[in-house]
Amino acid sequence: MFRDECDNCGRDLHICINCSFYDPHASRECREPAIPDSVHDKERKNLCEYFQPVKEGQRPDGDSAPDEARRRLEALFK
């Protein structure tokens, strides 16, 4: 479970940005209040037991994956 990888590209699946609790605007970037520690690298596998996969192509805040990527890119230049 914690080591699941994408069959196509080999990237980790059990990562914060693939979780329904992930919210870049929330404390620790997570809407699950019971998490004991913040995960520093949101794009690498972790051992969070609260992980719930987000529905395909949809972010918890309602943005699509491309919209989220665009927003993150724009934030780099602010």
Protein backbone atom coordinates (compact mmCIF):
# COMPACT_ATOMS: atom_id res chain seq x y z
CA MET A 1 0.00 0.00 0.00
CA PHE A 2 2.64 2.58 1.03
CA ARG A 3 4.89 1.48 -1.85
CA ASP A 4 2.34 1.47 -4.67
CA GLU A 5 3.66 2.88 -7.93
CA CYS A 6 2.06 3.91 -11.21
CA ASP A 7 2.17 1.05 -13.70
CA ASN A 8 2.88 3.48 -16.55
CA CYS A 9 5.53 5.83 -15.16
CA GLY A 10 6.73 4.21 -11.91
CA ARG A 11 6.02 7.29 -9.76
CA ASP A 12 4.84 6.87 -6.19
CA LEU A 13 1.06 6.85 -5.69
CA HIS A 14 0.87 7.12 -1.89
CA ILE A 15 1.76 10.83 -1.85
CA CYS A 16 0.08 13.87 -0.36
CA ILE A 17 -0.93 15.47 -3.66
CA ASN A 18 -2.85 12.27 -4.54
CA CYS A 19 -4.80 12.34 -1.26
CA SER A 20 -8.33 13.66 -0.81
CA PHE A 21 -7.17 15.44 2.37
CA TYR A 22 -4.46 17.42 0.53
CA ASP A 23 -5.22 21.13 0.55
CA PRO A 24 -2.41 23.60 -0.18
CA HIS A 25 -4.32 26.28 1.76
CA ALA A 26 -4.78 24.24 4.97
CA SER A 27 -2.49 23.95 7.97
CA ARG A 28 0.29 21.51 7.04
CA GLU A 29 -1.39 21.43 3.61
CA CYS A 30 -3.74 18.74 4.96
CA ARG A 31 -7.40 18.84 6.02
CA GLU A 32 -7.01 15.78 8.27
CA PRO A 33 -6.61 17.25 11.78
CA ALA A 34 -5.31 14.02 13.34
CA ILE A 35 -2.05 13.79 11.39
CA PRO A 36 0.77 13.75 13.93
CA ASP A 37 3.51 15.31 11.77
CA SER A 38 3.73 17.40 8.65
CA VAL A 39 5.00 15.66 5.52
CA HIS A 40 7.66 17.90 4.02
CA ASP A 41 7.83 16.51 0.47
CA LYS A 42 4.25 16.26 -0.77
CA GLU A 43 5.33 14.49 -3.97
CA ARG A 44 7.22 11.56 -2.41
CA LYS A 45 5.79 8.45 -0.81
CA ASN A 46 5.03 8.63 2.88
CA LEU A 47 3.62 6.45 5.64
CA CYS A 48 0.47 8.44 6.41
CA GLU A 49 -2.30 6.09 7.52
CA TYR A 50 -5.01 8.67 6.74
CA PHE A 51 -4.31 8.60 2.99
CA GLN A 52 -7.46 8.47 0.87
CA PRO A 53 -6.89 8.51 -2.90
CA VAL A 54 -8.44 11.47 -4.69
CA LYS A 55 -10.86 10.69 -7.49
CA GLU A 56 -9.22 10.53 -10.91
CA GLY A 57 -8.46 13.95 -12.37
CA GLN A 58 -10.04 15.84 -9.46
CA ARG A 59 -8.41 17.74 -6.60
CA PRO A 60 -10.11 18.12 -3.20
CA ASP A 61 -10.66 21.83 -3.83
CA GLY A 62 -12.44 21.04 -7.11
CA ASP A 63 -9.58 21.98 -9.42
CA SER A 64 -8.40 19.63 -12.11
CA ALA A 65 -4.83 18.36 -12.05
CA PRO A 66 -3.76 20.80 -14.82
CA ASP A 67 -5.35 23.72 -12.93
CA GLU A 68 -3.47 22.74 -9.79
CA ALA A 69 -0.19 22.50 -11.70
CA ARG A 70 -0.76 25.90 -13.30
CA ARG A 71 -1.53 27.50 -9.93
CA ARG A 72 1.62 26.01 -8.39
CA LEU A 73 3.74 27.25 -11.30
CA GLU A 74 2.32 30.76 -11.03
CA ALA A 75 3.00 30.77 -7.28
CA LEU A 76 6.71 30.35 -7.99
CA PHE A 77 6.82 33.78 -9.62
CA LYS A 78 4.94 35.74 -6.96
